[in-house]
Each structure stands twice: as structure tokens, then as C-alpha cells.
Amino acid sequence: MDITRTTVPGVGVLHHFLTRGGQRFGVLLDHSGLRSLLLYGTDDPDVPAQRIALDHDEADQIAEVLHSTPMADRLASLERRLAELHRGPA
């Protein structure tokens, strides 16, 4: 996947993603913290065909679903590691 990051003056930061299959989408992080998914069609590669605005919790939920290991599993693994460190060598 090809990822580019662009600062949009007065707006925020735009991340463009291009998949191996040639599909393009973006994630806009504006100065207020709002996140938007930008979906591009084939008509104009520079103008989003659709914009989906996400609240913070919605963006977190999508990130959790897309992450390869769920947050609960990562936290449990970290807790096990800390317990092992606390016990020390056997």
C-alpha cells in the first residue's frame, strides 16, 4: 500500500492510501480533531466522491476493527509480560 501525507493549510492533515488493487481513499484529520474518510471514484481522482465524517469514538472503533490484534488481546499480552517481569527470572 502506498501512503502519502499532506498538510492542507487551514484544514489539517490528509493521508491518501492507494491499495495494491488501485483503489484510493483518504483520511482527513482536521484541526478540530474530526476525522473523515474520503472515498474516491474514477471520475476525478482528486475530488472525493464521498466523505464520511467520524466522531472520535467512531474513528477508534474502526481502528480497532482494522487492527490485526484487538486492543483487549494486546492489553492482556502486555499485562502478562509485566507480571513476568515483576516475578523476575525463574
N, C-alpha and C. Protein backbone atom coordinates (compact mmCIF):
# COMPACT_ATOMS: atom_id res chain seq x y z
N MET A 1 0.85 -1.17 0.00
CA MET A 1 0.00 0.00 0.00
C MET A 1 0.89 1.23 0.00
N ASP A 2 0.53 2.16 -0.83
CA ASP A 2 1.25 3.43 -0.90
C ASP A 2 0.48 4.45 -0.07
N ILE A 3 1.19 5.14 0.84
CA ILE A 3 0.56 6.13 1.72
C ILE A 3 1.30 7.44 1.57
N THR A 4 0.55 8.52 1.35
CA THR A 4 1.15 9.85 1.32
C THR A 4 0.46 10.72 2.35
N ARG A 5 1.23 11.63 2.92
CA ARG A 5 0.73 12.55 3.94
C ARG A 5 0.92 13.97 3.43
N THR A 6 -0.16 14.76 3.50
CA THR A 6 -0.12 16.13 3.01
C THR A 6 -0.74 17.05 4.04
N THR A 7 -0.07 18.16 4.33
CA THR A 7 -0.67 19.18 5.18
C THR A 7 -1.53 20.08 4.30
N VAL A 8 -2.78 20.24 4.70
CA VAL A 8 -3.71 21.10 3.97
C VAL A 8 -3.84 22.38 4.79
N PRO A 9 -3.26 23.48 4.31
CA PRO A 9 -3.28 24.73 5.08
C PRO A 9 -4.70 25.15 5.47
N GLY A 10 -4.84 25.47 6.76
CA GLY A 10 -6.12 25.92 7.28
C GLY A 10 -7.13 24.81 7.52
N VAL A 11 -6.78 23.57 7.18
CA VAL A 11 -7.71 22.46 7.32
C VAL A 11 -7.17 21.40 8.28
N GLY A 12 -6.02 20.82 7.96
CA GLY A 12 -5.44 19.76 8.78
C GLY A 12 -4.48 18.91 7.98
N VAL A 13 -4.51 17.62 8.22
CA VAL A 13 -3.59 16.69 7.56
C VAL A 13 -4.41 15.65 6.81
N LEU A 14 -4.00 15.41 5.57
CA LEU A 14 -4.69 14.45 4.72
C LEU A 14 -3.74 13.30 4.40
N HIS A 15 -4.20 12.09 4.69
CA HIS A 15 -3.45 10.88 4.36
C HIS A 15 -4.17 10.21 3.19
N HIS A 16 -3.44 9.98 2.09
CA HIS A 16 -4.01 9.26 0.95
C HIS A 16 -3.44 7.84 0.95
N PHE A 17 -4.29 6.89 0.65
CA PHE A 17 -3.92 5.49 0.59
C PHE A 17 -4.24 4.96 -0.80
N LEU A 18 -3.30 4.22 -1.38
CA LEU A 18 -3.52 3.58 -2.66
C LEU A 18 -3.24 2.09 -2.47
N THR A 19 -4.26 1.28 -2.62
CA THR A 19 -4.12 -0.16 -2.40
C THR A 19 -3.42 -0.81 -3.59
N ARG A 20 -2.96 -2.04 -3.38
CA ARG A 20 -2.34 -2.79 -4.47
C ARG A 20 -3.31 -2.96 -5.64
N GLY A 21 -4.60 -3.01 -5.34
CA GLY A 21 -5.62 -3.16 -6.37
C GLY A 21 -5.96 -1.87 -7.08
N GLY A 22 -5.31 -0.76 -6.71
CA GLY A 22 -5.53 0.51 -7.38
C GLY A 22 -6.66 1.36 -6.80
N GLN A 23 -7.24 0.93 -5.69
CA GLN A 23 -8.29 1.73 -5.05
C GLN A 23 -7.66 2.82 -4.20
N ARG A 24 -8.29 3.98 -4.20
CA ARG A 24 -7.75 5.13 -3.49
C ARG A 24 -8.77 5.66 -2.50
N PHE A 25 -8.28 5.94 -1.28
CA PHE A 25 -9.12 6.57 -0.26
C PHE A 25 -8.24 7.45 0.60
N GLY A 26 -8.88 8.28 1.40
CA GLY A 26 -8.12 9.19 2.25
C GLY A 26 -8.71 9.27 3.64
N VAL A 27 -7.88 9.75 4.55
CA VAL A 27 -8.32 10.04 5.92
C VAL A 27 -7.88 11.47 6.20
N LEU A 28 -8.85 12.32 6.45
CA LEU A 28 -8.58 13.72 6.76
C LEU A 28 -8.70 13.94 8.25
N LEU A 29 -7.65 14.48 8.85
CA LEU A 29 -7.64 14.83 10.27
C LEU A 29 -7.63 16.35 10.34
N ASP A 30 -8.78 16.93 10.69
CA ASP A 30 -8.81 18.39 10.69
C ASP A 30 -8.35 18.95 12.03
N HIS A 31 -8.14 20.25 12.06
CA HIS A 31 -7.57 20.91 13.24
C HIS A 31 -8.43 20.74 14.50
N SER A 32 -9.71 20.53 14.33
CA SER A 32 -10.59 20.36 15.50
C SER A 32 -10.57 18.92 16.02
N GLY A 33 -9.89 18.02 15.28
CA GLY A 33 -9.81 16.63 15.71
C GLY A 33 -10.81 15.73 15.00
N LEU A 34 -11.68 16.30 14.18
CA LEU A 34 -12.64 15.50 13.42
C LEU A 34 -11.90 14.68 12.37
N ARG A 35 -12.33 13.44 12.20
CA ARG A 35 -11.75 12.57 11.19
C ARG A 35 -12.80 12.32 10.11
N SER A 36 -12.35 12.26 8.88
CA SER A 36 -13.24 11.96 7.77
C SER A 36 -12.59 10.94 6.86
N LEU A 37 -13.38 9.96 6.42
CA LEU A 37 -12.94 9.03 5.39
C LEU A 37 -13.34 9.63 4.06
N LEU A 38 -12.42 9.66 3.12
CA LEU A 38 -12.68 10.21 1.80
C LEU A 38 -12.57 9.07 0.80
N LEU A 39 -13.63 8.85 0.06
CA LEU A 39 -13.68 7.78 -0.92
C LEU A 39 -13.64 8.39 -2.30
N TYR A 40 -12.72 7.92 -3.12
CA TYR A 40 -12.54 8.48 -4.46
C TYR A 40 -13.12 7.54 -5.50
N GLY A 41 -13.79 8.11 -6.48
CA GLY A 41 -14.32 7.35 -7.60
C GLY A 41 -13.36 7.42 -8.77
N THR A 42 -13.83 7.04 -9.92
CA THR A 42 -12.99 7.05 -11.11
C THR A 42 -13.15 8.32 -11.93
N ASP A 43 -14.19 9.12 -11.65
CA ASP A 43 -14.45 10.33 -12.43
C ASP A 43 -13.34 11.36 -12.28
N ASP A 44 -13.02 11.70 -11.04
CA ASP A 44 -11.97 12.70 -10.77
C ASP A 44 -11.13 12.18 -9.60
N PRO A 45 -9.90 11.79 -9.87
CA PRO A 45 -9.07 11.21 -8.80
C PRO A 45 -8.69 12.19 -7.70
N ASP A 46 -8.93 13.47 -7.90
CA ASP A 46 -8.55 14.47 -6.90
C ASP A 46 -9.73 14.97 -6.07
N VAL A 47 -10.94 14.60 -6.44
CA VAL A 47 -12.12 15.06 -5.72
C VAL A 47 -12.85 13.85 -5.13
N PRO A 48 -13.02 13.83 -3.80
CA PRO A 48 -13.71 12.68 -3.20
C PRO A 48 -15.14 12.54 -3.71
N ALA A 49 -15.52 11.31 -4.02
CA ALA A 49 -16.89 11.02 -4.43
C ALA A 49 -17.80 11.00 -3.20
N GLN A 50 -17.20 10.67 -2.04
CA GLN A 50 -17.98 10.60 -0.81
C GLN A 50 -17.08 10.93 0.37
N ARG A 51 -17.67 11.59 1.36
CA ARG A 51 -16.96 11.93 2.60
C ARG A 51 -17.79 11.42 3.76
N ILE A 52 -17.15 10.67 4.65
CA ILE A 52 -17.83 10.12 5.82
C ILE A 52 -17.17 10.73 7.06
N ALA A 53 -17.89 11.60 7.75
CA ALA A 53 -17.38 12.24 8.97
C ALA A 53 -17.52 11.28 10.14
N LEU A 54 -16.49 11.21 10.98
CA LEU A 54 -16.47 10.30 12.12
C LEU A 54 -16.19 11.06 13.41
N ASP A 55 -16.95 10.77 14.45
CA ASP A 55 -16.62 11.26 15.78
C ASP A 55 -15.41 10.49 16.28
N HIS A 56 -14.79 10.98 17.37
CA HIS A 56 -13.60 10.32 17.91
C HIS A 56 -13.83 8.85 18.21
N ASP A 57 -14.95 8.55 18.88
CA ASP A 57 -15.20 7.16 19.26
C ASP A 57 -15.46 6.28 18.03
N GLU A 58 -16.06 6.84 17.00
CA GLU A 58 -16.29 6.07 15.78
C GLU A 58 -14.96 5.75 15.08
N ALA A 59 -14.07 6.73 15.04
CA ALA A 59 -12.75 6.51 14.44
C ALA A 59 -11.99 5.45 15.23
N ASP A 60 -12.08 5.50 16.56
CA ASP A 60 -11.43 4.50 17.40
C ASP A 60 -11.99 3.10 17.14
N GLN A 61 -13.30 3.00 16.97
CA GLN A 61 -13.92 1.70 16.72
C GLN A 61 -13.47 1.12 15.38
N ILE A 62 -13.39 1.96 14.36
CA ILE A 62 -12.92 1.49 13.06
C ILE A 62 -11.46 1.06 13.16
N ALA A 63 -10.65 1.84 13.84
CA ALA A 63 -9.24 1.48 14.01
C ALA A 63 -9.10 0.15 14.73
N GLU A 64 -9.93 -0.08 15.71
CA GLU A 64 -9.89 -1.34 16.46
C GLU A 64 -10.24 -2.51 15.56
N VAL A 65 -11.25 -2.35 14.73
CA VAL A 65 -11.65 -3.42 13.82
C VAL A 65 -10.55 -3.71 12.80
N LEU A 66 -9.90 -2.66 12.31
CA LEU A 66 -8.86 -2.83 11.29
C LEU A 66 -7.54 -3.32 11.85
N HIS A 67 -7.32 -3.11 13.13
CA HIS A 67 -6.05 -3.53 13.73
C HIS A 67 -5.94 -5.05 13.71
N SER A 68 -4.75 -5.56 13.49
CA SER A 68 -4.56 -7.00 13.36
C SER A 68 -4.81 -7.75 14.66
N THR A 69 -4.59 -7.12 15.79
CA THR A 69 -4.85 -7.73 17.08
C THR A 69 -5.74 -6.79 17.89
N PRO A 70 -6.88 -7.28 18.38
CA PRO A 70 -7.77 -6.42 19.15
C PRO A 70 -7.09 -5.82 20.38
N MET A 71 -7.54 -4.64 20.77
CA MET A 71 -6.96 -3.93 21.91
C MET A 71 -7.00 -4.79 23.18
N ALA A 72 -8.09 -5.49 23.41
CA ALA A 72 -8.19 -6.32 24.62
C ALA A 72 -7.10 -7.39 24.63
N ASP A 73 -6.82 -7.99 23.48
CA ASP A 73 -5.78 -9.01 23.40
C ASP A 73 -4.39 -8.40 23.60
N ARG A 74 -4.15 -7.21 23.03
CA ARG A 74 -2.85 -6.55 23.21
C ARG A 74 -2.64 -6.18 24.67
N LEU A 75 -3.71 -5.70 25.32
CA LEU A 75 -3.62 -5.33 26.73
C LEU A 75 -3.35 -6.55 27.60
N ALA A 76 -4.04 -7.65 27.32
CA ALA A 76 -3.83 -8.88 28.08
C ALA A 76 -2.39 -9.36 27.92
N SER A 77 -1.86 -9.28 26.71
CA SER A 77 -0.48 -9.69 26.47
C SER A 77 0.50 -8.81 27.23
N LEU A 78 0.26 -7.51 27.24
CA LEU A 78 1.10 -6.58 27.97
C LEU A 78 1.04 -6.85 29.47
N GLU A 79 -0.15 -7.14 29.99
CA GLU A 79 -0.29 -7.45 31.42
C GLU A 79 0.47 -8.72 31.77
N ARG A 80 0.44 -9.73 30.89
CA ARG A 80 1.20 -10.96 31.13
C ARG A 80 2.70 -10.67 31.16
N ARG A 81 3.16 -9.86 30.23
CA ARG A 81 4.59 -9.50 30.20
C ARG A 81 5.01 -8.77 31.46
N LEU A 82 4.18 -7.82 31.90
CA LEU A 82 4.50 -7.09 33.12
C LEU A 82 4.54 -8.01 34.33
N ALA A 83 3.61 -8.95 34.40
CA ALA A 83 3.60 -9.91 35.51
C ALA A 83 4.86 -10.75 35.50
N GLU A 84 5.31 -11.16 34.31
CA GLU A 84 6.53 -11.95 34.20
C GLU A 84 7.74 -11.15 34.64
N LEU A 85 7.79 -9.87 34.25
CA LEU A 85 8.90 -9.01 34.65
C LEU A 85 8.90 -8.80 36.17
N HIS A 86 7.72 -8.67 36.73
CA HIS A 86 7.60 -8.44 38.16
C HIS A 86 8.08 -9.67 38.95
N ARG A 87 7.76 -10.86 38.44
CA ARG A 87 8.20 -12.10 39.12
C ARG A 87 9.69 -12.28 39.03
N GLY A 88 10.28 -11.80 37.96
CA GLY A 88 11.72 -11.94 37.78
C GLY A 88 12.08 -13.30 37.20
N PRO A 89 13.39 -13.54 37.06
CA PRO A 89 13.83 -14.81 36.46
C PRO A 89 13.48 -15.99 37.35
N ALA A 90 13.21 -17.10 36.69
CA ALA A 90 12.83 -18.32 37.43
C ALA A 90 14.02 -18.99 38.04
